[in-house]
Amino acid sequence: MTVLTRRTSSKLLSLLVALVIMLIVVFPLYWMAITALKPGAEIYASEPTLYPHAPTFEGFVNLFERIPFGRYLLNSVIVAVGATVIATCCASLAAYGLTRLTFRGRDLLGGLFFSTYLVPISVLFIPIFLMMDAFALTNTYWGLIIAYQSFTIPFSVWLLRGYFQNIPTDLEDAARVDGCNRLQALIRVVLPIAAPGITASAIFAFTLTWNEFLLAVVLMTRQDRTTAPVGLQSFLFADSANWAELMAGAVIMGVPIVILYLVAERYIVSGLAAGSVKG
């Protein structure tokens, strides 16, 4: 076997593996989308179909008629955007301090940030609820936004810390020689350079909060404060489910995430690649 033949075979094998992985990833999304477009009789047919024979938007219509899904989406947008903005701002300052300031216990503090993210939210939701209830923050947007900082800030700090470590300190030194103080150097020099990493961390924080269920169902018991993931459970019953409405809601919730990742793809890739070198 020649070198050219081996290279061709290797490329074909890599392409085949990539196609198999793509099918495994994409097929559940495809099935979700076609289920949302199927009528009830076709969904519960004994022989499943790979495409809707009689496509209908009845599932989408019922989704908004049977529950106030529009209000649920608005609640999710308010909470996810608010939590993302606060987490990104706090994490940027924390990550900068952990990489540029020298103080005792700096590495330990950085490790604690990451270890906090590893604690499952199922362990934390009871103390979080007790704290929010003590401050009368249950059934409020601020209560859920603050609760979401328990996992968005640690993750964002871990990601941005590795990114900031790859930014040369000489750039800040030059800015400070020109008259900038540390805060001005951060705003005018470091943050613009760190834009890809900050964008990547913001998108991941938004994704985490947009899809979060446990804290939302615990802290938001009023219907007018319910978020979209919690609202969709209205279509789940003890022994059955309204699959068309559930899949329609999942499709609607997935569209903003897909658009966000497509628009900011290059920032996500460059941010994760740079942040993975150090930290």
Protein backbone atom coordinates (compact mmCIF):
# COMPACT_ATOMS: atom_id res chain seq x y z
CA MET A 1 0.00 0.00 0.00
CA THR A 2 1.46 3.34 -1.09
CA VAL A 3 1.66 6.44 1.07
CA LEU A 4 -1.00 8.14 -1.06
CA THR A 5 -3.36 5.19 -0.67
CA ARG A 6 -2.86 5.15 3.09
CA ARG A 7 -3.56 8.87 3.31
CA THR A 8 -6.71 8.50 1.19
CA SER A 9 -7.92 5.60 3.30
CA SER A 10 -7.23 7.55 6.48
CA LYS A 11 -9.19 10.55 5.19
CA LEU A 12 -12.12 8.36 4.11
CA LEU A 13 -12.17 6.66 7.50
CA SER A 14 -12.09 10.02 9.28
CA LEU A 15 -14.91 11.27 7.07
CA LEU A 16 -16.97 8.16 7.78
CA VAL A 17 -16.47 8.52 11.54
CA ALA A 18 -17.40 12.22 11.33
CA LEU A 19 -20.58 11.37 9.39
CA VAL A 20 -21.58 8.73 11.94
CA ILE A 21 -21.02 11.16 14.82
CA MET A 22 -22.98 13.87 12.97
CA LEU A 23 -25.91 11.49 12.44
CA ILE A 24 -25.90 10.53 16.11
CA VAL A 25 -25.97 14.20 17.11
CA VAL A 26 -28.38 15.51 14.47
CA PHE A 27 -30.95 12.69 14.37
CA PRO A 28 -32.53 13.47 17.78
CA LEU A 29 -32.94 17.11 16.70
CA TYR A 30 -34.46 16.00 13.40
CA TRP A 31 -36.85 13.64 15.20
CA MET A 32 -37.87 16.41 17.58
CA ALA A 33 -38.64 18.75 14.66
CA ILE A 34 -40.68 16.23 12.64
CA THR A 35 -42.62 15.14 15.73
CA ALA A 36 -43.68 18.75 16.26
CA LEU A 37 -45.09 18.73 12.71
CA LYS A 38 -46.91 15.38 12.90
CA PRO A 39 -50.63 15.01 13.69
CA GLY A 40 -51.54 13.01 16.77
CA ALA A 41 -52.56 9.90 14.85
CA GLU A 42 -49.19 9.72 13.13
CA ILE A 43 -47.24 10.30 16.35
CA TYR A 44 -48.94 7.37 18.09
CA ALA A 45 -48.98 5.08 15.04
CA SER A 46 -47.59 1.58 15.60
CA GLU A 47 -45.05 2.09 12.80
CA PRO A 48 -43.00 5.29 13.23
CA THR A 49 -42.43 7.46 10.17
CA LEU A 50 -39.22 9.25 9.30
CA TYR A 51 -41.05 12.31 7.98
CA PRO A 52 -44.55 13.76 8.54
CA HIS A 53 -46.95 12.45 5.89
CA ALA A 54 -49.50 15.14 6.76
CA PRO A 55 -47.49 18.01 8.30
CA THR A 56 -49.41 20.35 10.53
CA PHE A 57 -48.67 23.28 12.84
CA GLU A 58 -51.37 22.21 15.27
CA GLY A 59 -48.78 21.42 17.93
CA PHE A 60 -47.40 24.98 17.77
CA VAL A 61 -50.90 26.48 17.86
CA ASN A 62 -51.96 24.35 20.83
CA LEU A 63 -48.74 25.23 22.62
CA PHE A 64 -49.72 28.91 22.80
CA GLU A 65 -53.46 28.32 23.24
CA ARG A 66 -53.33 25.84 26.13
CA ILE A 67 -50.65 27.57 28.19
CA PRO A 68 -49.27 31.16 28.21
CA PHE A 69 -46.07 30.01 26.51
CA GLY A 70 -45.33 33.50 25.20
CA ARG A 71 -45.18 34.77 28.78
CA TYR A 72 -42.98 31.84 29.76
CA LEU A 73 -40.56 32.67 26.95
CA LEU A 74 -40.44 36.31 28.06
CA ASN A 75 -39.63 35.21 31.62
CA SER A 76 -36.84 32.98 30.33
CA VAL A 77 -35.40 35.82 28.25
CA ILE A 78 -35.42 38.24 31.18
CA VAL A 79 -33.78 35.77 33.56
CA ALA A 80 -31.26 34.34 31.10
CA VAL A 81 -30.13 37.72 29.76
CA GLY A 82 -29.93 39.24 33.25
CA ALA A 83 -27.99 36.30 34.66
CA THR A 84 -25.63 36.26 31.67
CA VAL A 85 -24.82 39.97 31.87
CA ILE A 86 -24.11 39.86 35.61
CA ALA A 87 -22.11 36.63 35.39
CA THR A 88 -20.01 37.90 32.48
CA CYS A 89 -19.19 41.20 34.20
CA CYS A 90 -18.34 39.59 37.55
CA ALA A 91 -16.38 36.75 35.97
CA SER A 92 -14.34 39.13 33.80
CA LEU A 93 -13.24 41.11 36.84
CA ALA A 94 -12.60 37.99 38.92
CA ALA A 95 -10.62 36.25 36.18
CA TYR A 96 -8.55 39.38 35.59
CA GLY A 97 -7.76 39.65 39.29
CA LEU A 98 -6.76 35.99 39.48
CA THR A 99 -4.33 36.35 36.59
CA ARG A 100 -2.90 39.85 37.10
CA LEU A 101 -2.93 40.49 40.86
CA THR A 102 -0.48 38.78 43.19
CA PHE A 103 -1.82 37.84 46.62
CA ARG A 104 -1.64 34.95 49.03
CA GLY A 105 -3.99 32.08 48.18
CA ARG A 106 -4.59 33.18 44.61
CA ASP A 107 -4.20 29.68 43.12
CA LEU A 108 -6.33 28.18 45.88
CA LEU A 109 -9.08 30.70 45.20
CA GLY A 110 -8.93 29.90 41.49
CA GLY A 111 -9.27 26.22 42.25
CA LEU A 112 -12.23 26.90 44.54
CA PHE A 113 -14.03 28.70 41.72
CA PHE A 114 -13.72 25.66 39.49
CA SER A 115 -14.58 23.17 42.24
CA THR A 116 -17.75 25.15 43.00
CA TYR A 117 -18.91 24.58 39.43
CA LEU A 118 -18.46 20.83 39.91
CA VAL A 119 -20.98 20.72 42.77
CA PRO A 120 -24.32 19.51 41.31
CA ILE A 121 -27.18 21.95 41.56
CA SER A 122 -29.34 19.18 43.05
CA VAL A 123 -27.21 19.50 46.21
CA LEU A 124 -27.43 23.28 46.35
CA PHE A 125 -31.07 23.99 45.57
CA ILE A 126 -32.29 23.57 49.18
CA PRO A 127 -29.84 26.09 50.75
CA ILE A 128 -30.38 28.40 47.76
CA PHE A 129 -34.14 28.25 48.29
CA LEU A 130 -33.76 28.94 52.02
CA MET A 131 -31.60 32.00 51.32
CA MET A 132 -33.95 33.38 48.69
CA ASP A 133 -36.96 32.78 50.93
CA ALA A 134 -35.24 34.54 53.83
CA PHE A 135 -34.70 37.64 51.67
CA ALA A 136 -38.18 37.43 50.10
CA LEU A 137 -36.70 36.81 46.66
CA THR A 138 -38.76 33.78 45.69
CA ASN A 139 -41.09 34.34 42.73
CA THR A 140 -38.95 37.28 41.61
CA TYR A 141 -36.70 37.68 38.61
CA TRP A 142 -33.85 38.90 40.80
CA GLY A 143 -34.06 35.84 43.02
CA LEU A 144 -33.62 33.45 40.09
CA ILE A 145 -30.95 35.62 38.47
CA ILE A 146 -28.92 35.68 41.69
CA ALA A 147 -29.40 31.93 42.16
CA TYR A 148 -28.06 31.29 38.67
CA GLN A 149 -24.79 32.98 39.60
CA SER A 150 -23.98 29.91 41.70
CA PHE A 151 -22.95 28.03 38.55
CA THR A 152 -22.53 30.66 35.82
CA ILE A 153 -19.85 32.73 37.57
CA PRO A 154 -17.59 29.76 38.52
CA PHE A 155 -17.72 28.37 34.97
CA SER A 156 -17.10 31.77 33.38
CA VAL A 157 -14.20 32.53 35.74
CA TRP A 158 -12.59 29.19 34.92
CA LEU A 159 -12.94 29.81 31.18
CA LEU A 160 -11.81 33.45 31.22
CA ARG A 161 -8.89 32.84 33.56
CA GLY A 162 -7.22 30.65 30.96
CA TYR A 163 -7.92 33.24 28.29
CA PHE A 164 -6.51 36.18 30.27
CA GLN A 165 -3.34 34.22 30.96
CA ASN A 166 -2.61 34.26 27.22
CA ILE A 167 -2.80 38.04 26.93
CA PRO A 168 0.71 39.56 27.25
CA THR A 169 1.14 41.82 30.24
CA ASP A 170 3.38 44.07 28.12
CA LEU A 171 0.27 45.56 26.51
CA GLU A 172 -1.06 46.67 29.87
CA ASP A 173 2.36 47.95 30.93
CA ALA A 174 2.53 50.07 27.79
CA ALA A 175 -0.95 51.48 28.46
CA ARG A 176 -0.02 52.31 32.04
CA VAL A 177 3.14 54.06 30.86
CA ASP A 178 0.92 56.17 28.62
CA GLY A 179 -1.09 57.28 31.64
CA CYS A 180 -3.79 54.66 32.11
CA ASN A 181 -4.49 53.27 35.54
CA ARG A 182 -5.18 49.55 36.00
CA LEU A 183 -8.93 49.88 35.47
CA GLN A 184 -8.48 51.96 32.31
CA ALA A 185 -5.96 49.44 30.97
CA LEU A 186 -8.44 46.67 31.64
CA ILE A 187 -11.29 48.43 29.85
CA ARG A 188 -9.33 49.87 26.92
CA VAL A 189 -6.73 47.15 26.30
CA VAL A 190 -7.49 43.80 27.92
CA LEU A 191 -11.24 43.50 27.44
CA PRO A 192 -11.19 44.30 23.68
CA ILE A 193 -8.49 41.66 23.17
CA ALA A 194 -10.42 39.19 25.35
CA ALA A 195 -13.67 39.74 23.40
CA PRO A 196 -13.69 36.20 21.88
CA GLY A 197 -13.26 34.57 25.30
CA ILE A 198 -15.83 36.85 26.91
CA THR A 199 -18.29 36.11 24.10
CA ALA A 200 -17.75 32.37 24.48
CA SER A 201 -18.31 32.48 28.25
CA ALA A 202 -21.42 34.65 27.81
CA ILE A 203 -22.93 32.24 25.30
CA PHE A 204 -22.29 29.25 27.54
CA ALA A 205 -23.73 31.11 30.53
CA PHE A 206 -26.82 32.01 28.50
CA THR A 207 -27.24 28.39 27.40
CA LEU A 208 -26.97 27.10 30.97
CA THR A 209 -29.55 29.54 32.31
CA TRP A 210 -31.89 29.28 29.30
CA ASN A 211 -32.27 25.52 29.78
CA GLU A 212 -32.17 25.40 33.59
CA PHE A 213 -35.13 23.63 35.21
CA LEU A 214 -34.56 22.70 38.87
CA LEU A 215 -33.98 26.14 40.39
CA ALA A 216 -36.69 27.63 38.19
CA VAL A 217 -39.30 25.16 39.36
CA VAL A 218 -38.28 25.61 43.02
CA LEU A 219 -38.00 29.40 43.14
CA MET A 220 -40.78 30.34 40.70
CA THR A 221 -44.11 28.91 41.87
CA ARG A 222 -46.33 31.64 40.43
CA GLN A 223 -47.58 30.98 36.92
CA ASP A 224 -46.80 34.49 35.71
CA ARG A 225 -43.15 33.96 36.73
CA THR A 226 -42.77 30.47 35.24
CA THR A 227 -39.95 29.99 32.74
CA ALA A 228 -40.31 28.10 29.47
CA PRO A 229 -38.60 24.82 30.52
CA VAL A 230 -40.89 24.59 33.55
CA GLY A 231 -43.96 25.57 31.55
CA LEU A 232 -43.47 22.69 29.15
CA GLN A 233 -44.02 20.18 31.92
CA SER A 234 -47.72 21.08 31.70
CA PHE A 235 -47.86 18.66 28.77
CA LEU A 236 -46.44 15.77 30.81
CA PHE A 237 -48.84 13.48 32.62
CA ALA A 238 -48.46 10.40 34.80
CA ASP A 239 -48.65 7.89 31.96
CA SER A 240 -48.70 9.97 28.77
CA ALA A 241 -47.60 13.22 27.18
CA ASN A 242 -48.72 15.60 24.47
CA TRP A 243 -45.68 15.02 22.31
CA ALA A 244 -46.58 17.45 19.53
CA GLU A 245 -46.82 20.39 21.96
CA LEU A 246 -43.73 19.30 23.87
CA MET A 247 -41.63 18.99 20.74
CA ALA A 248 -42.99 22.28 19.39
CA GLY A 249 -41.90 24.03 22.58
CA ALA A 250 -38.50 22.35 22.42
CA VAL A 251 -38.04 23.51 18.82
CA ILE A 252 -38.96 27.10 19.72
CA MET A 253 -36.58 27.07 22.68
CA GLY A 254 -33.79 25.61 20.58
CA VAL A 255 -33.97 28.20 17.80
CA PRO A 256 -32.38 31.11 19.75
CA ILE A 257 -29.52 28.87 20.92
CA VAL A 258 -28.84 27.59 17.39
CA ILE A 259 -28.88 31.12 15.96
CA LEU A 260 -26.60 32.35 18.74
CA TYR A 261 -24.05 29.62 18.14
CA LEU A 262 -24.13 30.06 14.36
CA VAL A 263 -23.63 33.82 14.59
CA ALA A 264 -20.84 33.65 17.18
CA GLU A 265 -19.22 30.40 16.08
CA ARG A 266 -15.78 31.87 15.39
CA TYR A 267 -15.74 33.63 18.76
CA ILE A 268 -16.65 30.41 20.57
CA VAL A 269 -13.98 28.37 18.80
CA SER A 270 -11.22 30.97 19.26
CA GLY A 271 -12.26 31.66 22.85
CA LEU A 272 -12.24 28.01 23.87
CA ALA A 273 -9.02 27.27 21.97
CA ALA A 274 -7.14 30.15 23.59
CA GLY A 275 -8.57 29.46 27.04
CA SER A 276 -7.52 25.82 26.93
CA VAL A 277 -3.80 26.53 26.56
CA LYS A 278 -3.29 27.65 30.14
CA GLY A 279 -5.23 27.64 33.39
